[in-house]
Amino acid sequence: MNKSTIGKKKTIWSWINQNRLKLAVWLFLIVLPVSLIIITYAGSYISNQSVYFDKEITENSTKINDFQSIDELKAITLDIEWDAFKKPALDEFDNLTGGYYKFLIAYDTKSNYEQVSNVRVTPVLKTSWKNYTSVGTESLIKTSYTSFIIDFNYHLPKTVLPFVTIENPNLYLKVTYSYVSAGQTINEENYVKFVLDDLNPKTVIPNES
C-alpha cells in the first residue's frame, strides 16, 4: 500500500469523524424516511398479491399466490369478456350496495387433449395494494359463453397511497376440470389471474336515481 492511498484513507476517516453528527442527522432525516416509504409501499403491494377463494376464511383455508394467465392452462384455454359493470351506491344506512361486475366466460380444449369435462370456476375480485375483496360462486362453464356476476361494493378509483390509485380489481379464478389421458381420468386444479385495468366493460349500468 503506497503513501498516497494511506493518506486518502486517513483523510476520509478524518472527515467522517469531524462530521459524524451531520451524518447522523442526514441518516435520520433522509435515509430512514426513504427506507420506511419503500417498506410501506412494498409491504402493501406484496401482502395483497395473495388470494383466498373461500367466502369464510378458516384455519383450513389456503392462500394462493401463484397464478397463470388464461392461455397457460394445461388442457384448456379460457376466453373471458367483461360484459357489464355497475358502481355501488349508498343505501339509507350509508353502506355501499348494489355494485357488481359481470363476465362472460367459455373455454376451448387444446389439441392433443380429449374428453375434457366438468370445467368449473370460482371467481374472486381483489385489488392490488389494498384488500378490497369479493368472492363469487362456483360456476360450471361450457365451450359456449356462460355469464357470472360478482358483487363488488367498494368505491373505485381510490388513491390508497401517494401516487398509487386503484382503478379496478383483478379477476382471479380457481379453475377445476377433468380430462382423459391414456384411458385415465386426470383432475386438474389451477389458478388464473385476469387483469382488468386495460379493459372496459361492454355496458356500464347506471345507478337508479
Protein backbone atom coordinates (compact mmCIF):
# COMPACT_ATOMS: atom_id res chain seq x y z
CA MET A 1 0.00 0.00 0.00
CA ASN A 2 1.59 3.32 -1.03
CA LYS A 3 1.65 6.52 0.98
CA SER A 4 -0.91 8.21 -1.29
CA THR A 5 -3.54 5.50 -0.58
CA ILE A 6 -2.86 5.64 3.17
CA GLY A 7 -3.21 9.40 3.08
CA LYS A 8 -6.56 9.23 1.29
CA LYS A 9 -7.92 6.74 3.83
CA LYS A 10 -6.82 8.94 6.70
CA THR A 11 -8.48 11.95 5.04
CA ILE A 12 -11.79 10.09 4.59
CA TRP A 13 -11.83 8.81 8.15
CA SER A 14 -10.90 12.23 9.46
CA TRP A 15 -13.77 13.82 7.50
CA ILE A 16 -16.24 11.20 8.80
CA ASN A 17 -15.03 11.73 12.36
CA GLN A 18 -15.36 15.50 12.09
CA ASN A 19 -18.82 15.33 10.52
CA ARG A 20 -20.31 12.36 12.34
CA LEU A 21 -23.10 14.44 13.87
CA LYS A 22 -24.09 15.80 10.45
CA LEU A 23 -24.03 12.29 9.02
CA ALA A 24 -26.25 11.01 11.82
CA VAL A 25 -28.76 13.81 11.19
CA TRP A 26 -28.66 13.12 7.44
CA LEU A 27 -29.30 9.42 8.01
CA PHE A 28 -32.20 10.22 10.36
CA LEU A 29 -33.85 12.85 8.14
CA ILE A 30 -33.36 11.27 4.72
CA VAL A 31 -32.30 7.64 4.70
CA LEU A 32 -34.68 6.44 7.43
CA PRO A 33 -37.83 8.08 5.97
CA VAL A 34 -36.99 6.83 2.47
CA SER A 35 -36.48 3.32 3.83
CA LEU A 36 -39.81 3.47 5.66
CA ILE A 37 -41.58 4.64 2.49
CA ILE A 38 -40.08 1.79 0.46
CA ILE A 39 -41.07 -0.72 3.15
CA THR A 40 -44.63 0.68 3.27
CA TYR A 41 -45.12 0.50 -0.50
CA ALA A 42 -43.50 -2.91 -0.89
CA GLY A 43 -45.39 -4.33 2.10
CA SER A 44 -48.74 -3.02 0.87
CA TYR A 45 -48.22 -4.44 -2.61
CA ILE A 46 -46.77 -7.83 -1.65
CA SER A 47 -49.33 -8.51 1.08
CA ASN A 48 -52.18 -8.02 -1.43
CA GLN A 49 -50.93 -10.39 -4.12
CA SER A 50 -52.34 -13.47 -2.39
CA VAL A 51 -55.97 -14.59 -2.63
CA TYR A 52 -58.35 -16.74 -0.61
CA PHE A 53 -61.07 -18.48 -2.63
CA ASP A 54 -63.21 -19.22 0.42
CA LYS A 55 -66.09 -16.94 1.38
CA GLU A 56 -65.46 -17.77 5.02
CA ILE A 57 -61.76 -17.95 5.86
CA THR A 58 -60.89 -20.67 8.36
CA GLU A 59 -57.71 -22.31 9.61
CA ASN A 60 -58.07 -24.77 6.73
CA SER A 61 -58.25 -22.06 4.07
CA THR A 62 -55.34 -21.83 1.63
CA LYS A 63 -53.89 -18.53 0.46
CA ILE A 64 -52.93 -18.69 -3.22
CA ASN A 65 -50.14 -16.53 -4.63
CA ASP A 66 -49.12 -18.36 -7.81
CA PHE A 67 -51.28 -17.62 -10.84
CA GLN A 68 -51.33 -18.42 -14.55
CA SER A 69 -52.73 -16.49 -17.50
CA ILE A 70 -55.87 -17.64 -19.29
CA ASP A 71 -53.88 -19.41 -22.04
CA GLU A 72 -51.39 -21.20 -19.80
CA LEU A 73 -53.66 -23.95 -18.52
CA LYS A 74 -52.68 -27.47 -19.48
CA ALA A 75 -55.69 -28.77 -21.40
CA ILE A 76 -57.91 -25.74 -21.97
CA THR A 77 -57.78 -22.06 -22.85
CA LEU A 78 -60.20 -19.63 -21.23
CA ASP A 79 -61.98 -16.83 -23.08
CA ILE A 80 -63.20 -14.03 -20.80
CA GLU A 81 -65.15 -10.88 -21.65
CA TRP A 82 -66.01 -8.09 -19.24
CA ASP A 83 -69.69 -7.76 -20.03
CA ALA A 84 -71.08 -5.22 -17.55
CA PHE A 85 -70.24 -3.06 -14.56
CA LYS A 86 -72.32 -1.23 -12.00
CA LYS A 87 -70.94 1.09 -9.34
CA PRO A 88 -72.25 0.67 -5.82
CA ALA A 89 -74.44 3.34 -4.27
CA LEU A 90 -75.06 4.39 -0.69
CA ASP A 91 -78.19 2.96 0.88
CA GLU A 92 -80.27 4.53 3.65
CA PHE A 93 -77.69 3.39 6.21
CA ASP A 94 -74.75 4.87 4.25
CA ASN A 95 -73.49 1.42 3.22
CA LEU A 96 -72.25 0.81 -0.30
CA THR A 97 -74.52 -1.70 -2.03
CA GLY A 98 -75.66 -2.87 -5.46
CA GLY A 99 -72.27 -2.82 -7.19
CA TYR A 100 -71.20 -5.70 -9.38
CA TYR A 101 -69.01 -6.94 -12.24
CA LYS A 102 -70.49 -9.27 -14.88
CA PHE A 103 -68.33 -11.51 -17.07
CA LEU A 104 -68.84 -13.91 -19.95
CA ILE A 105 -66.59 -16.97 -19.95
CA ALA A 106 -66.05 -20.00 -22.16
CA TYR A 107 -63.27 -22.49 -22.75
CA ASP A 108 -61.60 -24.17 -25.71
CA THR A 109 -59.98 -27.59 -25.50
CA LYS A 110 -56.35 -27.63 -26.60
CA SER A 111 -55.16 -30.02 -29.27
CA ASN A 112 -53.98 -33.45 -28.08
CA TYR A 113 -56.48 -33.39 -25.21
CA GLU A 114 -59.82 -35.12 -25.32
CA GLN A 115 -62.89 -35.68 -23.19
CA VAL A 116 -62.45 -32.51 -21.14
CA SER A 117 -65.35 -32.26 -18.71
CA ASN A 118 -66.72 -30.69 -15.56
CA VAL A 119 -64.95 -27.36 -16.06
CA ARG A 120 -65.74 -25.14 -13.10
CA VAL A 121 -64.56 -21.70 -12.00
CA THR A 122 -64.72 -19.92 -8.66
CA PRO A 123 -64.19 -16.17 -9.18
CA VAL A 124 -62.68 -13.60 -6.84
CA LEU A 125 -62.37 -9.86 -7.38
CA LYS A 126 -59.46 -8.40 -5.43
CA THR A 127 -57.45 -5.21 -5.71
CA SER A 128 -53.71 -4.83 -5.58
CA TRP A 129 -52.30 -2.54 -2.86
CA LYS A 130 -55.44 -2.81 -0.68
CA ASN A 131 -57.52 -5.76 0.48
CA TYR A 132 -60.79 -4.98 -1.29
CA THR A 133 -62.09 -8.49 -1.96
CA SER A 134 -65.28 -10.18 -3.06
CA VAL A 135 -65.66 -13.94 -3.59
CA GLY A 136 -68.16 -15.21 -6.14
CA THR A 137 -70.00 -18.50 -6.53
CA GLU A 138 -68.59 -21.55 -8.29
CA SER A 139 -69.97 -21.96 -11.83
CA LEU A 140 -69.96 -24.78 -14.36
CA ILE A 141 -68.76 -23.36 -17.69
CA LYS A 142 -69.02 -24.61 -21.26
CA THR A 143 -67.48 -24.13 -24.69
CA SER A 144 -70.20 -21.53 -25.30
CA TYR A 145 -70.36 -18.39 -23.20
CA THR A 146 -71.67 -18.58 -19.65
CA SER A 147 -72.22 -15.47 -17.56
CA PHE A 148 -71.44 -14.89 -13.92
CA ILE A 149 -71.77 -11.89 -11.62
CA ILE A 150 -69.64 -10.91 -8.64
CA ASP A 151 -70.90 -8.31 -6.18
CA PHE A 152 -68.28 -5.64 -5.52
CA ASN A 153 -69.30 -2.91 -3.11
CA TYR A 154 -66.19 -0.76 -2.94
CA HIS A 155 -65.84 2.72 -4.38
CA LEU A 156 -63.18 2.90 -7.10
CA PRO A 157 -61.00 4.54 -8.29
CA LYS A 158 -59.36 5.17 -4.95
CA THR A 159 -55.96 6.58 -4.01
CA VAL A 160 -54.57 4.31 -1.31
CA LEU A 161 -51.01 5.67 -1.18
CA PRO A 162 -49.37 8.77 -2.67
CA PHE A 163 -49.09 8.17 -6.45
CA VAL A 164 -50.96 4.84 -6.16
CA THR A 165 -54.57 4.80 -7.38
CA ILE A 166 -56.62 1.63 -7.70
CA GLU A 167 -58.75 1.76 -10.84
CA ASN A 168 -60.19 -1.77 -10.89
CA PRO A 169 -59.79 -5.05 -9.07
CA ASN A 170 -58.19 -8.05 -10.74
CA LEU A 171 -60.27 -11.10 -11.58
CA TYR A 172 -58.88 -14.30 -10.05
CA LEU A 173 -60.25 -17.73 -10.91
CA LYS A 174 -59.94 -21.12 -9.33
CA VAL A 175 -60.30 -23.50 -12.29
CA THR A 176 -61.00 -27.20 -11.93
CA TYR A 177 -61.62 -29.72 -14.70
CA SER A 178 -61.04 -33.30 -15.77
CA TYR A 179 -59.66 -34.86 -18.94
CA VAL A 180 -58.81 -38.35 -20.15
CA SER A 181 -55.21 -39.35 -20.90
CA ALA A 182 -54.19 -42.91 -21.86
CA GLY A 183 -57.50 -44.15 -20.56
CA GLN A 184 -57.06 -42.48 -17.18
CA THR A 185 -59.13 -39.58 -15.83
CA ILE A 186 -56.88 -36.70 -14.71
CA ASN A 187 -58.21 -33.98 -12.41
CA GLU A 188 -56.66 -30.53 -12.64
CA GLU A 189 -56.84 -27.54 -10.31
CA ASN A 190 -55.29 -24.27 -11.43
CA TYR A 191 -55.44 -20.59 -10.52
CA VAL A 192 -55.72 -17.77 -13.04
CA LYS A 193 -55.23 -14.01 -12.85
CA PHE A 194 -57.04 -11.76 -15.34
CA VAL A 195 -56.13 -8.05 -15.21
CA LEU A 196 -58.93 -5.54 -15.87
CA ASP A 197 -57.04 -2.24 -15.85
CA ASP A 198 -56.54 -2.12 -19.64
CA LEU A 199 -60.12 -3.21 -20.38
CA ASN A 200 -63.53 -1.59 -20.45
CA PRO A 201 -66.91 -3.21 -19.82
CA LYS A 202 -69.31 -3.54 -22.73
CA THR A 203 -72.03 -1.93 -20.62
CA VAL A 204 -71.98 0.42 -17.64
CA ILE A 205 -75.21 0.09 -15.67
CA PRO A 206 -76.37 3.42 -14.22
CA ASN A 207 -77.47 3.62 -10.62
CA GLU A 208 -81.15 4.23 -10.04
CA SER A 209 -81.89 7.81 -9.12
